[in-house]
N, C-alpha and C. Protein backbone atom coordinates (compact mmCIF):
# COMPACT_ATOMS: atom_id res chain seq x y z
N MET A 1 165.03 217.14 75.37
CA MET A 1 164.69 217.82 76.62
C MET A 1 165.32 217.08 77.79
N GLY A 2 165.64 217.84 78.84
CA GLY A 2 166.21 217.23 80.03
C GLY A 2 165.16 216.51 80.85
N ARG A 3 165.64 215.66 81.68
CA ARG A 3 164.74 214.89 82.52
C ARG A 3 164.17 215.77 83.61
N GLY A 4 162.90 215.64 83.84
CA GLY A 4 162.25 216.46 84.83
C GLY A 4 162.64 216.07 86.24
N LYS A 5 162.47 217.03 87.16
CA LYS A 5 162.83 216.80 88.56
C LYS A 5 161.83 215.85 89.21
N ILE A 6 162.36 214.84 89.89
CA ILE A 6 161.51 213.84 90.53
C ILE A 6 161.25 214.24 91.96
N GLU A 7 160.02 214.18 92.37
CA GLU A 7 159.68 214.51 93.76
C GLU A 7 160.12 213.38 94.68
N ILE A 8 160.84 213.75 95.71
CA ILE A 8 161.33 212.74 96.66
C ILE A 8 160.24 212.46 97.70
N ARG A 9 159.59 211.34 97.53
CA ARG A 9 158.58 210.89 98.48
C ARG A 9 158.44 209.39 98.35
N ARG A 10 157.76 208.80 99.28
CA ARG A 10 157.60 207.34 99.29
C ARG A 10 156.82 206.90 98.07
N ILE A 11 157.35 205.82 97.43
CA ILE A 11 156.67 205.25 96.26
C ILE A 11 155.59 204.30 96.76
N ASP A 12 154.40 204.56 96.34
CA ASP A 12 153.27 203.74 96.81
C ASP A 12 153.25 202.37 96.18
N ASN A 13 153.54 202.28 94.89
CA ASN A 13 153.50 201.01 94.20
C ASN A 13 154.66 200.14 94.67
N SER A 14 154.37 198.95 95.16
CA SER A 14 155.41 198.08 95.72
C SER A 14 156.40 197.61 94.66
N THR A 15 155.92 197.35 93.46
CA THR A 15 156.84 196.89 92.40
C THR A 15 157.80 198.00 92.01
N SER A 16 157.27 199.20 91.79
CA SER A 16 158.14 200.32 91.44
C SER A 16 159.09 200.65 92.58
N ARG A 17 158.58 200.51 93.82
CA ARG A 17 159.44 200.78 94.97
C ARG A 17 160.60 199.80 95.02
N GLN A 18 160.35 198.53 94.73
CA GLN A 18 161.41 197.52 94.76
C GLN A 18 162.42 197.75 93.64
N VAL A 19 161.93 198.13 92.45
CA VAL A 19 162.83 198.40 91.33
C VAL A 19 163.71 199.61 91.63
N THR A 20 163.10 200.66 92.17
CA THR A 20 163.87 201.85 92.52
C THR A 20 164.89 201.56 93.61
N PHE A 21 164.49 200.75 94.58
CA PHE A 21 165.43 200.38 95.65
C PHE A 21 166.64 199.64 95.10
N SER A 22 166.40 198.72 94.18
CA SER A 22 167.50 197.94 93.61
C SER A 22 168.45 198.85 92.82
N LYS A 23 167.89 199.77 92.01
CA LYS A 23 168.73 200.66 91.21
C LYS A 23 169.51 201.62 92.10
N ARG A 24 168.83 202.24 93.07
CA ARG A 24 169.51 203.22 93.93
C ARG A 24 170.55 202.54 94.83
N ARG A 25 170.26 201.31 95.26
CA ARG A 25 171.22 200.59 96.09
C ARG A 25 172.49 200.30 95.32
N LYS A 26 172.38 199.84 94.09
CA LYS A 26 173.56 199.57 93.28
C LYS A 26 174.33 200.85 92.99
N GLY A 27 173.60 201.94 92.72
CA GLY A 27 174.27 203.21 92.48
C GLY A 27 174.99 203.73 93.71
N LEU A 28 174.38 203.54 94.89
CA LEU A 28 175.01 203.99 96.13
C LEU A 28 176.28 203.20 96.42
N ILE A 29 176.26 201.90 96.21
CA ILE A 29 177.45 201.07 96.43
C ILE A 29 178.54 201.43 95.42
N LYS A 30 178.14 201.74 94.19
CA LYS A 30 179.11 202.14 93.18
C LYS A 30 179.79 203.45 93.58
N LYS A 31 179.01 204.43 94.08
CA LYS A 31 179.58 205.69 94.54
C LYS A 31 180.51 205.49 95.73
N ALA A 32 180.15 204.55 96.62
CA ALA A 32 181.01 204.27 97.77
C ALA A 32 182.35 203.69 97.32
N LYS A 33 182.33 202.79 96.33
CA LYS A 33 183.57 202.22 95.81
C LYS A 33 184.43 203.31 95.17
N GLU A 34 183.79 204.20 94.40
CA GLU A 34 184.54 205.28 93.77
C GLU A 34 185.15 206.21 94.82
N LEU A 35 184.43 206.43 95.91
CA LEU A 35 184.94 207.29 96.97
C LEU A 35 186.17 206.69 97.63
N THR A 36 186.17 205.39 97.83
CA THR A 36 187.34 204.74 98.45
C THR A 36 188.55 204.80 97.53
N ILE A 37 188.34 204.68 96.22
CA ILE A 37 189.46 204.67 95.28
C ILE A 37 189.99 206.08 95.05
N LEU A 38 189.09 207.03 94.83
CA LEU A 38 189.51 208.39 94.51
C LEU A 38 190.10 209.12 95.70
N CYS A 39 189.54 208.92 96.87
CA CYS A 39 189.92 209.72 98.05
C CYS A 39 190.64 208.92 99.12
N ASP A 40 190.93 207.63 98.87
CA ASP A 40 191.63 206.80 99.84
C ASP A 40 190.92 206.84 101.21
N ALA A 41 189.60 206.73 101.15
CA ALA A 41 188.78 206.80 102.37
C ALA A 41 188.39 205.39 102.80
N GLU A 42 188.14 205.26 104.10
CA GLU A 42 187.63 204.00 104.63
C GLU A 42 186.12 204.13 104.76
N VAL A 43 185.42 203.29 104.02
CA VAL A 43 183.96 203.43 103.89
C VAL A 43 183.30 202.14 104.35
N GLY A 44 182.24 202.30 105.12
CA GLY A 44 181.39 201.19 105.52
C GLY A 44 179.94 201.55 105.27
N LEU A 45 179.25 200.76 104.48
CA LEU A 45 177.88 201.07 104.08
C LEU A 45 176.98 199.91 104.49
N VAL A 46 175.90 200.23 105.21
CA VAL A 46 174.94 199.22 105.67
C VAL A 46 173.55 199.64 105.20
N ILE A 47 172.84 198.74 104.54
CA ILE A 47 171.51 199.02 104.01
C ILE A 47 170.57 197.90 104.41
N PHE A 48 169.41 198.27 104.93
CA PHE A 48 168.33 197.33 105.22
C PHE A 48 167.14 197.67 104.32
N SER A 49 166.66 196.68 103.62
CA SER A 49 165.49 196.91 102.77
C SER A 49 164.23 196.95 103.62
N SER A 50 163.11 197.28 102.97
CA SER A 50 161.83 197.33 103.69
C SER A 50 161.41 195.96 104.19
N THR A 51 161.94 194.91 103.57
CA THR A 51 161.63 193.55 104.02
C THR A 51 162.61 193.05 105.08
N GLY A 52 163.61 193.89 105.45
CA GLY A 52 164.56 193.50 106.48
C GLY A 52 165.81 192.82 105.95
N LYS A 53 165.99 192.80 104.62
CA LYS A 53 167.18 192.16 104.04
C LYS A 53 168.37 193.10 104.17
N LEU A 54 169.53 192.53 104.51
CA LEU A 54 170.74 193.31 104.76
C LEU A 54 171.62 193.34 103.52
N TYR A 55 172.10 194.56 103.21
CA TYR A 55 173.11 194.77 102.18
C TYR A 55 174.21 195.62 102.80
N GLU A 56 175.45 195.24 102.55
CA GLU A 56 176.57 195.99 103.13
C GLU A 56 177.75 196.03 102.17
N TYR A 57 178.58 197.07 102.37
CA TYR A 57 179.82 197.21 101.59
C TYR A 57 180.87 197.85 102.49
N SER A 58 182.11 197.35 102.39
CA SER A 58 183.24 197.93 103.11
C SER A 58 184.50 197.64 102.32
N ASN A 59 185.35 198.66 102.20
CA ASN A 59 186.60 198.46 101.46
C ASN A 59 187.65 197.74 102.30
N THR A 60 187.48 197.69 103.62
CA THR A 60 188.40 196.93 104.49
C THR A 60 187.63 195.76 105.09
N SER A 61 187.01 195.97 106.23
CA SER A 61 186.11 195.00 106.83
C SER A 61 185.10 195.77 107.67
N MET A 62 183.87 195.28 107.65
CA MET A 62 182.81 195.99 108.34
C MET A 62 183.07 196.03 109.85
N LYS A 63 183.69 195.00 110.40
CA LYS A 63 183.98 194.98 111.83
C LYS A 63 184.95 196.08 112.22
N SER A 64 186.03 196.25 111.44
CA SER A 64 187.01 197.30 111.76
C SER A 64 186.39 198.68 111.58
N VAL A 65 185.52 198.85 110.58
CA VAL A 65 184.87 200.15 110.38
C VAL A 65 183.98 200.48 111.56
N ILE A 66 183.22 199.50 112.04
CA ILE A 66 182.32 199.75 113.17
C ILE A 66 183.12 200.04 114.44
N GLU A 67 184.21 199.29 114.66
CA GLU A 67 185.05 199.55 115.84
C GLU A 67 185.66 200.95 115.78
N ARG A 68 186.12 201.35 114.61
CA ARG A 68 186.68 202.69 114.47
C ARG A 68 185.61 203.76 114.68
N TYR A 69 184.40 203.48 114.21
CA TYR A 69 183.30 204.42 114.39
C TYR A 69 182.97 204.58 115.87
N ASN A 70 182.90 203.47 116.59
CA ASN A 70 182.58 203.55 118.02
C ASN A 70 183.68 204.29 118.80
N THR A 71 184.96 204.01 118.45
CA THR A 71 186.06 204.69 119.14
C THR A 71 186.03 206.19 118.86
N SER A 72 185.82 206.55 117.60
CA SER A 72 185.77 207.98 117.26
C SER A 72 184.59 208.67 117.90
N LYS A 73 183.48 207.97 117.99
CA LYS A 73 182.30 208.56 118.61
C LYS A 73 182.52 208.80 120.10
N GLU A 74 183.17 207.83 120.78
CA GLU A 74 183.46 208.01 122.21
C GLU A 74 184.42 209.16 122.44
N GLU A 75 185.47 209.24 121.60
CA GLU A 75 186.42 210.34 121.75
C GLU A 75 185.75 211.69 121.49
N HIS A 76 184.86 211.73 120.52
CA HIS A 76 184.15 212.97 120.24
C HIS A 76 183.27 213.38 121.41
N GLN A 77 182.60 212.41 121.98
CA GLN A 77 181.75 212.71 123.13
C GLN A 77 182.59 213.16 124.33
N GLN A 78 183.75 212.57 124.50
CA GLN A 78 184.62 212.98 125.60
C GLN A 78 185.13 214.41 125.40
N LEU A 79 185.45 214.74 124.17
CA LEU A 79 185.92 216.10 123.91
C LEU A 79 184.81 217.13 124.07
N MET A 80 183.56 216.72 123.81
CA MET A 80 182.44 217.64 123.98
C MET A 80 182.14 217.89 125.45
N ASN A 81 182.48 216.92 126.31
CA ASN A 81 182.23 217.06 127.75
C ASN A 81 183.50 217.59 128.41
N PRO A 82 183.44 218.74 129.10
CA PRO A 82 184.66 219.31 129.71
C PRO A 82 185.31 218.37 130.72
N ASN A 83 184.50 217.74 131.56
CA ASN A 83 185.07 216.82 132.55
C ASN A 83 185.73 215.62 131.89
N SER A 84 185.06 215.07 130.89
CA SER A 84 185.65 213.93 130.19
C SER A 84 186.90 214.35 129.42
N GLU A 85 186.90 215.55 128.89
CA GLU A 85 188.08 216.04 128.17
C GLU A 85 189.28 216.16 129.10
N ALA A 86 189.04 216.67 130.31
CA ALA A 86 190.14 216.79 131.28
C ALA A 86 190.69 215.42 131.66
N LYS A 87 189.78 214.44 131.86
CA LYS A 87 190.23 213.09 132.20
C LYS A 87 191.00 212.49 131.02
N PHE A 88 190.56 212.77 129.80
CA PHE A 88 191.24 212.24 128.63
C PHE A 88 192.67 212.75 128.55
N TRP A 89 192.87 214.06 128.76
CA TRP A 89 194.22 214.63 128.69
C TRP A 89 195.06 214.21 129.88
N GLN A 90 194.43 213.94 131.00
CA GLN A 90 195.18 213.42 132.15
C GLN A 90 195.73 212.02 131.84
N ARG A 91 194.91 211.19 131.20
CA ARG A 91 195.38 209.87 130.83
C ARG A 91 196.50 209.96 129.80
N GLU A 92 196.36 210.86 128.83
CA GLU A 92 197.41 211.03 127.84
C GLU A 92 198.71 211.50 128.48
N ALA A 93 198.60 212.42 129.45
CA ALA A 93 199.79 212.91 130.14
C ALA A 93 200.46 211.81 130.94
N GLU A 94 199.65 210.94 131.55
CA GLU A 94 200.20 209.84 132.33
C GLU A 94 200.93 208.84 131.43
N VAL A 95 200.35 208.57 130.27
CA VAL A 95 201.01 207.66 129.32
C VAL A 95 202.34 208.23 128.85
N LEU A 96 202.36 209.52 128.52
CA LEU A 96 203.60 210.16 128.08
C LEU A 96 204.63 210.19 129.20
N ARG A 97 204.17 210.38 130.45
CA ARG A 97 205.08 210.39 131.59
C ARG A 97 205.73 209.01 131.76
N GLN A 98 204.95 207.97 131.62
CA GLN A 98 205.51 206.62 131.74
C GLN A 98 206.49 206.32 130.61
N GLN A 99 206.17 206.76 129.40
CA GLN A 99 207.09 206.56 128.28
C GLN A 99 208.39 207.30 128.50
N LEU A 100 208.32 208.52 129.02
CA LEU A 100 209.52 209.28 129.30
C LEU A 100 210.37 208.60 130.38
N GLN A 101 209.72 208.08 131.40
CA GLN A 101 210.45 207.39 132.46
C GLN A 101 211.16 206.15 131.92
N THR A 102 210.47 205.41 131.04
CA THR A 102 211.08 204.22 130.45
C THR A 102 212.28 204.59 129.59
N LEU A 103 212.16 205.66 128.81
CA LEU A 103 213.28 206.10 127.96
C LEU A 103 214.46 206.56 128.80
N GLN A 104 214.19 207.27 129.89
CA GLN A 104 215.28 207.72 130.76
C GLN A 104 215.98 206.53 131.42
N GLU A 105 215.20 205.54 131.82
CA GLU A 105 215.80 204.35 132.43
C GLU A 105 216.66 203.59 131.43
N ASN A 106 216.17 203.46 130.19
CA ASN A 106 216.95 202.79 129.15
C ASN A 106 218.23 203.56 128.84
N HIS A 107 218.14 204.89 128.85
CA HIS A 107 219.32 205.70 128.58
C HIS A 107 220.37 205.53 129.67
N ARG A 108 219.93 205.51 130.93
CA ARG A 108 220.89 205.32 132.02
C ARG A 108 221.54 203.94 131.95
N GLN A 109 220.78 202.93 131.57
CA GLN A 109 221.35 201.59 131.43
C GLN A 109 222.33 201.53 130.27
N MET A 110 222.04 202.27 129.20
CA MET A 110 222.98 202.33 128.08
C MET A 110 224.29 202.98 128.50
N MET A 111 224.22 203.91 129.44
CA MET A 111 225.41 204.58 129.96
C MET A 111 226.10 203.77 131.04
N GLY A 112 225.59 202.57 131.35
CA GLY A 112 226.20 201.72 132.36
C GLY A 112 225.80 202.07 133.78
N GLU A 113 224.69 202.76 133.95
CA GLU A 113 224.23 203.16 135.27
C GLU A 113 222.95 202.41 135.62
N GLN A 114 222.71 202.29 136.92
CA GLN A 114 221.49 201.66 137.45
C GLN A 114 221.26 200.29 136.83
N LEU A 115 222.28 199.45 136.92
CA LEU A 115 222.19 198.09 136.39
C LEU A 115 221.73 197.09 137.44
N TYR A 116 221.47 197.58 138.66
CA TYR A 116 221.03 196.67 139.71
C TYR A 116 219.62 196.16 139.38
N GLY A 117 219.39 194.92 139.75
CA GLY A 117 218.10 194.31 139.48
C GLY A 117 218.01 193.62 138.13
N LEU A 118 219.02 193.78 137.29
CA LEU A 118 219.00 193.15 135.98
C LEU A 118 219.58 191.75 136.06
N SER A 119 218.95 190.82 135.40
CA SER A 119 219.44 189.46 135.37
C SER A 119 220.57 189.32 134.35
N VAL A 120 221.18 188.14 134.32
CA VAL A 120 222.25 187.89 133.36
C VAL A 120 221.72 188.00 131.93
N LYS A 121 220.52 187.50 131.72
CA LYS A 121 219.93 187.58 130.38
C LYS A 121 219.69 189.03 129.97
N ASN A 122 219.20 189.84 130.91
CA ASN A 122 218.98 191.25 130.60
C ASN A 122 220.29 191.97 130.29
N LEU A 123 221.32 191.66 131.06
CA LEU A 123 222.63 192.25 130.80
C LEU A 123 223.19 191.81 129.46
N GLN A 124 222.97 190.53 129.12
CA GLN A 124 223.43 190.03 127.82
C GLN A 124 222.70 190.73 126.68
N ASP A 125 221.38 190.92 126.84
CA ASP A 125 220.61 191.63 125.81
C ASP A 125 221.09 193.08 125.68
N LEU A 126 221.39 193.70 126.82
CA LEU A 126 221.88 195.08 126.78
C LEU A 126 223.23 195.16 126.09
N GLU A 127 224.09 194.18 126.36
CA GLU A 127 225.41 194.15 125.73
C GLU A 127 225.29 193.94 124.22
N ASN A 128 224.39 193.04 123.80
CA ASN A 128 224.19 192.82 122.37
C ASN A 128 223.65 194.07 121.68
N GLN A 129 222.76 194.77 122.36
CA GLN A 129 222.22 196.00 121.79
C GLN A 129 223.29 197.06 121.63
N LEU A 130 224.17 197.18 122.64
CA LEU A 130 225.27 198.13 122.55
C LEU A 130 226.24 197.76 121.44
N GLU A 131 226.52 196.48 121.28
CA GLU A 131 227.43 196.04 120.21
C GLU A 131 226.83 196.35 118.84
N LEU A 132 225.53 196.15 118.69
CA LEU A 132 224.89 196.49 117.42
C LEU A 132 224.97 197.99 117.15
N SER A 133 224.76 198.78 118.21
CA SER A 133 224.84 200.24 118.05
C SER A 133 226.25 200.66 117.68
N LEU A 134 227.26 200.09 118.36
CA LEU A 134 228.65 200.43 118.04
C LEU A 134 229.02 200.01 116.63
N ARG A 135 228.51 198.85 116.20
CA ARG A 135 228.81 198.41 114.84
C ARG A 135 228.23 199.38 113.81
N GLY A 136 227.02 199.84 114.07
CA GLY A 136 226.42 200.81 113.16
C GLY A 136 227.17 202.13 113.15
N ILE A 137 227.63 202.58 114.34
CA ILE A 137 228.39 203.82 114.43
C ILE A 137 229.71 203.69 113.68
N ARG A 138 230.40 202.56 113.86
CA ARG A 138 231.68 202.37 113.17
C ARG A 138 231.50 202.31 111.66
N MET A 139 230.44 201.67 111.21
CA MET A 139 230.19 201.60 109.77
C MET A 139 229.92 202.99 109.21
N LYS A 140 229.16 203.80 109.94
CA LYS A 140 228.89 205.16 109.48
C LYS A 140 230.16 206.00 109.47
N LYS A 141 230.99 205.86 110.52
CA LYS A 141 232.24 206.60 110.56
C LYS A 141 233.16 206.18 109.42
N GLU A 142 233.26 204.88 109.16
CA GLU A 142 234.11 204.40 108.08
C GLU A 142 233.61 204.90 106.73
N GLN A 143 232.27 204.96 106.57
CA GLN A 143 231.71 205.47 105.33
C GLN A 143 232.07 206.94 105.12
N ILE A 144 231.97 207.74 106.19
CA ILE A 144 232.30 209.16 106.08
C ILE A 144 233.79 209.34 105.76
N LEU A 145 234.66 208.58 106.47
CA LEU A 145 236.09 208.69 106.21
C LEU A 145 236.45 208.25 104.79
N THR A 146 235.80 207.19 104.32
CA THR A 146 236.06 206.73 102.95
C THR A 146 235.66 207.78 101.93
N GLU A 147 234.52 208.41 102.16
CA GLU A 147 234.09 209.47 101.25
C GLU A 147 235.04 210.66 101.29
N GLU A 148 235.53 211.01 102.49
CA GLU A 148 236.48 212.12 102.58
C GLU A 148 237.80 211.78 101.89
N ILE A 149 238.28 210.54 102.05
CA ILE A 149 239.52 210.13 101.38
C ILE A 149 239.34 210.11 99.87
N ARG A 150 238.17 209.65 99.41
CA ARG A 150 237.90 209.65 97.98
C ARG A 150 237.88 211.08 97.44
N ASP A 151 237.31 211.98 98.22
CA ASP A 151 237.27 213.39 97.79
C ASP A 151 238.68 213.99 97.76
N LEU A 152 239.49 213.65 98.79
CA LEU A 152 240.86 214.15 98.80
C LEU A 152 241.67 213.59 97.63
N ASN A 153 241.50 212.31 97.34
CA ASN A 153 242.21 211.73 96.20
C ASN A 153 241.77 212.39 94.89
N ARG A 154 240.48 212.69 94.78
CA ARG A 154 240.00 213.35 93.56
C ARG A 154 240.61 214.75 93.44
N LYS A 155 240.63 215.50 94.55
CA LYS A 155 241.24 216.83 94.51
C LYS A 155 242.74 216.75 94.24
N GLY A 156 243.40 215.73 94.86
CA GLY A 156 244.83 215.56 94.60
C GLY A 156 245.12 215.23 93.15
N SER A 157 244.24 214.42 92.54
CA SER A 157 244.42 214.09 91.13
C SER A 157 244.27 215.32 90.25
N ILE A 158 243.31 216.19 90.58
CA ILE A 158 243.13 217.42 89.81
C ILE A 158 244.35 218.33 89.94
N ILE A 159 244.84 218.46 91.18
CA ILE A 159 246.01 219.31 91.41
C ILE A 159 247.24 218.74 90.71
N HIS A 160 247.40 217.41 90.75
CA HIS A 160 248.52 216.76 90.07
C HIS A 160 248.46 217.01 88.56
N GLN A 161 247.26 216.92 87.98
CA GLN A 161 247.11 217.17 86.56
C GLN A 161 247.43 218.61 86.23
N GLN A 162 246.99 219.54 87.08
CA GLN A 162 247.32 220.95 86.86
C GLN A 162 248.82 221.19 86.96
N ASN A 163 249.49 220.53 87.91
CA ASN A 163 250.94 220.67 88.03
C ASN A 163 251.66 220.14 86.80
N MET A 164 251.17 219.02 86.26
CA MET A 164 251.79 218.47 85.06
C MET A 164 251.65 219.44 83.88
N GLU A 165 250.46 220.01 83.73
CA GLU A 165 250.27 220.96 82.63
C GLU A 165 251.13 222.21 82.83
N LEU A 166 251.20 222.68 84.09
CA LEU A 166 252.03 223.85 84.36
C LEU A 166 253.50 223.53 84.13
N TYR A 167 253.93 222.33 84.49
CA TYR A 167 255.32 221.91 84.28
C TYR A 167 255.68 221.91 82.80
N LYS A 168 254.73 221.40 81.97
CA LYS A 168 255.00 221.37 80.53
C LYS A 168 255.03 222.77 79.94
N LYS A 169 254.17 223.66 80.46
CA LYS A 169 254.16 225.03 79.94
C LYS A 169 255.43 225.77 80.32
N VAL A 170 255.95 225.56 81.54
CA VAL A 170 257.12 226.29 82.01
C VAL A 170 258.39 225.77 81.36
N TYR A 171 258.59 224.43 81.35
CA TYR A 171 259.85 223.87 80.88
C TYR A 171 259.82 223.48 79.40
N GLY A 172 258.72 223.04 78.93
CA GLY A 172 258.64 222.65 77.52
C GLY A 172 259.43 221.39 77.26
N SER A 173 260.44 221.45 76.34
CA SER A 173 261.25 220.29 75.99
C SER A 173 262.25 219.99 77.09
N SER A 174 262.94 218.85 76.95
CA SER A 174 263.91 218.43 77.96
C SER A 174 265.12 219.36 77.98
N GLU A 175 265.55 219.90 76.78
CA GLU A 175 266.68 220.80 76.77
C GLU A 175 266.36 222.09 77.52
N MET A 176 265.18 222.62 77.26
CA MET A 176 264.78 223.84 77.97
C MET A 176 264.61 223.57 79.45
N ALA A 177 264.15 222.36 79.78
CA ALA A 177 264.00 222.01 81.18
C ALA A 177 265.34 221.98 81.87
N ALA A 178 266.38 221.39 81.18
CA ALA A 178 267.71 221.34 81.79
C ALA A 178 268.29 222.73 81.96
N THR A 179 268.12 223.59 80.94
CA THR A 179 268.62 224.96 81.04
C THR A 179 267.95 225.72 82.16
N SER A 180 266.61 225.53 82.29
CA SER A 180 265.87 226.24 83.34
C SER A 180 266.29 225.75 84.71
N ARG A 181 266.51 224.43 84.84
CA ARG A 181 266.91 223.91 86.15
C ARG A 181 268.30 224.40 86.51
N ASP A 182 269.24 224.48 85.51
CA ASP A 182 270.57 224.98 85.81
C ASP A 182 270.53 226.45 86.19
N ALA A 183 269.60 227.16 85.56
CA ALA A 183 269.50 228.59 85.88
C ALA A 183 268.98 228.79 87.28
N PHE A 184 268.02 227.95 87.67
CA PHE A 184 267.45 228.10 89.00
C PHE A 184 268.16 227.26 90.04
N ASN A 185 269.23 226.51 89.63
CA ASN A 185 269.95 225.65 90.57
C ASN A 185 271.44 225.92 90.40
N PRO A 186 271.93 227.10 90.82
CA PRO A 186 273.34 227.47 90.56
C PRO A 186 274.32 226.64 91.35
N TYR A 187 273.92 226.01 92.44
CA TYR A 187 274.84 225.24 93.29
C TYR A 187 274.93 223.79 92.87
N GLY A 188 274.22 223.39 91.84
CA GLY A 188 274.38 222.04 91.30
C GLY A 188 273.62 220.98 92.07
N PHE A 189 272.59 221.35 92.85
CA PHE A 189 271.80 220.32 93.53
C PHE A 189 270.96 219.58 92.52
N HIS A 190 270.83 218.24 92.76
CA HIS A 190 270.12 217.39 91.80
C HIS A 190 268.62 217.48 92.05
N THR A 191 267.85 217.69 91.01
CA THR A 191 266.38 217.70 91.10
C THR A 191 265.83 216.73 90.08
N ASN A 192 264.68 216.16 90.37
CA ASN A 192 264.05 215.20 89.46
C ASN A 192 263.52 215.93 88.23
N GLU A 193 263.53 215.25 87.08
CA GLU A 193 263.03 215.85 85.86
C GLU A 193 261.51 215.89 85.83
N GLU A 194 260.88 214.99 86.52
CA GLU A 194 259.43 214.94 86.53
C GLU A 194 258.91 215.41 87.88
N PRO A 195 257.73 216.03 87.90
CA PRO A 195 257.15 216.44 89.18
C PRO A 195 256.81 215.24 90.03
N GLN A 196 256.62 215.49 91.27
CA GLN A 196 256.38 214.41 92.23
C GLN A 196 255.10 213.67 91.87
N GLU A 197 255.14 212.33 91.98
CA GLU A 197 253.98 211.52 91.62
C GLU A 197 252.86 211.68 92.65
N LEU A 198 251.66 211.39 92.19
CA LEU A 198 250.47 211.52 93.03
C LEU A 198 250.44 210.41 94.08
N ILE A 199 250.13 210.77 95.30
CA ILE A 199 250.03 209.82 96.41
C ILE A 199 248.56 209.52 96.65
N GLN A 200 248.19 208.24 96.57
CA GLN A 200 246.81 207.84 96.81
C GLN A 200 246.63 207.48 98.28
N LEU A 201 245.60 208.07 98.90
CA LEU A 201 245.29 207.80 100.30
C LEU A 201 244.34 206.63 100.39
N GLN A 202 244.51 205.82 101.42
CA GLN A 202 243.63 204.69 101.67
C GLN A 202 243.32 204.61 103.15
N LEU A 203 242.14 204.08 103.46
CA LEU A 203 241.70 203.90 104.84
C LEU A 203 242.15 202.53 105.31
N SER A 204 243.08 202.49 106.26
CA SER A 204 243.59 201.22 106.77
C SER A 204 242.64 200.66 107.80
N GLN A 205 242.50 199.33 107.80
CA GLN A 205 241.63 198.66 108.75
C GLN A 205 242.33 198.54 110.09
N PRO A 206 241.58 198.69 111.19
CA PRO A 206 242.20 198.56 112.51
C PRO A 206 242.65 197.13 112.77
N GLU A 207 243.78 196.99 113.46
CA GLU A 207 244.30 195.67 113.77
C GLU A 207 243.45 195.03 114.85
N GLN A 208 243.23 193.72 114.71
CA GLN A 208 242.45 192.97 115.67
C GLN A 208 243.34 192.57 116.85
N ASP A 209 242.91 192.93 118.04
CA ASP A 209 243.65 192.54 119.23
C ASP A 209 243.38 191.09 119.55
N THR A 210 244.45 190.34 119.81
CA THR A 210 244.32 188.92 120.13
C THR A 210 244.48 188.74 121.62
N TYR A 211 243.56 188.02 122.15
CA TYR A 211 243.57 187.76 123.59
C TYR A 211 243.73 186.25 123.80
N GLU A 212 244.68 185.90 124.67
CA GLU A 212 244.92 184.50 124.97
C GLU A 212 244.15 184.14 126.24
N THR A 213 243.63 182.93 126.27
CA THR A 213 242.92 182.43 127.43
C THR A 213 243.93 182.05 128.49
N SER A 214 243.42 181.84 129.70
CA SER A 214 244.32 181.49 130.80
C SER A 214 244.98 180.14 130.56
N GLY A 215 244.24 179.23 129.88
CA GLY A 215 244.83 177.92 129.60
C GLY A 215 245.95 177.99 128.62
N SER A 216 245.77 178.77 127.52
CA SER A 216 246.83 178.89 126.53
C SER A 216 248.00 179.67 127.07
N ALA A 217 247.71 180.67 127.99
CA ALA A 217 248.80 181.43 128.58
C ALA A 217 249.67 180.55 129.48
N SER A 218 248.99 179.65 130.22
CA SER A 218 249.78 178.76 131.09
C SER A 218 250.63 177.81 130.27
N LYS A 219 250.08 177.37 129.06
CA LYS A 219 250.91 176.51 128.23
C LYS A 219 252.10 177.26 127.67
């Protein structure tokens, strides 16, 4: 037979109450651990016994859970209040406006504009940042060109192989090749017996410009 339904009410016997508290507390903590693992949830559990003893469980830290709870509660209360909600979105709009202004200023400085007020260190940092960006752009461009050259070489190799097969089918042996060339070359111009060889493309590296200092130039 199945277990009968237990009435949920306060247990009068102190010993039974303590035993039930211990069992239910362990089961509750076990369920909390399973919830964190199965659902990737952040859980904070706080239990006070009838004697005032504290039991707690948290998969991260109880302090971070409480701080997150307080922050979420404040945001929820602000959203429930129309005036607080308007102030909240005003602050968000102001933050986004400042971020946009900062991005626009950085963009103008990247373009070499509005450099007044910058120190030598700031200009040096800006120059280093631009050099890093240019290096990344050149590497990406070289990668794309290398891939295109590799693709062209692959297509050229396929076409060259097809030409070789077609050449063998048309001319066959060397005697037939000579007869065919004489037939198609009545003026006696010399042609090669083999088709043109495949040309492999390569990406050449840019030459480094050398700059002489004023001292070496004077020497």
